[in-house]
Amino acid sequence: MSALNIDSASFTQIEGRPGATSRRSESKILAIVGARGKMQNPVTGSGGMFIGTVAKVGVALAGAT
């Protein structure tokens, strides 16, 4: 199972934008994650919590415990 739980401040801000729809909110969240590498709302500074499996560890963290 994989999920991204969006915090309430980010959810309210994203859903409250003019013309917001479920599909547009999804696109906005994916754009934030794509640009920042995580869910960190540039407006509120808040984020969320990812629940899932790490597919790959970057070179900077290889061997870290």
Protein backbone atom coordinates (compact mmCIF):
# COMPACT_ATOMS: atom_id res chain seq x y z
CA MET A 1 0.00 0.00 0.00
CA SER A 2 1.17 3.52 -0.78
CA ALA A 3 -0.48 6.73 0.30
CA LEU A 4 0.31 10.40 0.74
CA ASN A 5 -1.54 11.90 3.69
CA ILE A 6 -1.83 15.66 3.12
CA ASP A 7 -1.89 17.82 6.24
CA SER A 8 -5.04 19.88 6.81
CA ALA A 9 -3.39 23.28 6.20
CA SER A 10 -2.11 22.21 2.76
CA PHE A 11 -5.35 20.46 1.87
CA THR A 12 -7.44 23.51 2.81
CA GLN A 13 -5.16 25.88 0.87
CA ILE A 14 -5.03 23.69 -2.26
CA GLU A 15 -8.77 22.92 -2.25
CA GLY A 16 -9.60 26.58 -1.55
CA ARG A 17 -7.98 27.91 -4.72
CA PRO A 18 -10.38 29.47 -7.25
CA GLY A 19 -11.59 26.83 -9.73
CA ALA A 20 -10.25 23.94 -7.63
CA THR A 21 -11.49 20.48 -8.55
CA SER A 22 -10.31 17.08 -7.37
CA ARG A 23 -8.32 16.61 -10.58
CA ARG A 24 -6.73 20.06 -10.38
CA SER A 25 -5.84 19.53 -6.73
CA GLU A 26 -4.25 16.19 -7.60
CA SER A 27 -2.22 17.87 -10.35
CA LYS A 28 -1.11 20.62 -7.95
CA ILE A 29 0.03 18.09 -5.35
CA LEU A 30 1.93 16.05 -7.96
CA ALA A 31 3.58 19.25 -9.22
CA ILE A 32 4.69 20.19 -5.67
CA VAL A 33 6.13 16.70 -5.07
CA GLY A 34 7.82 16.71 -8.47
CA ALA A 35 9.44 20.11 -7.91
CA ARG A 36 10.44 19.64 -4.26
CA GLY A 37 10.90 15.88 -4.02
CA LYS A 38 8.36 15.74 -1.21
CA MET A 39 5.04 17.25 -0.21
CA GLN A 40 6.01 20.67 1.13
CA ASN A 41 3.41 23.27 0.23
CA PRO A 42 5.24 26.44 -0.89
CA VAL A 43 2.37 28.60 0.42
CA THR A 44 1.89 27.11 3.89
CA GLY A 45 5.30 25.44 4.38
CA SER A 46 3.50 22.36 5.64
CA GLY A 47 3.45 18.95 4.06
CA GLY A 48 2.25 15.46 4.63
CA MET A 49 3.36 11.93 5.33
CA PHE A 50 4.16 9.28 2.73
CA ILE A 51 3.35 5.68 3.55
CA GLY A 52 4.96 3.19 1.18
CA THR A 53 8.13 1.44 0.13
CA VAL A 54 11.43 3.07 -0.79
CA ALA A 55 12.36 1.92 -4.29
CA LYS A 56 15.89 3.30 -4.36
CA VAL A 57 18.34 4.98 -1.98
CA GLY A 58 20.40 7.82 -3.40
CA VAL A 59 24.20 7.84 -3.45
CA ALA A 60 24.36 10.40 -0.63
CA LEU A 61 22.59 7.97 1.73
CA ALA A 62 24.06 4.67 0.53
CA GLY A 63 25.25 2.70 3.54
CA ALA A 64 23.64 5.06 6.08
CA THR A 65 21.84 3.50 9.01
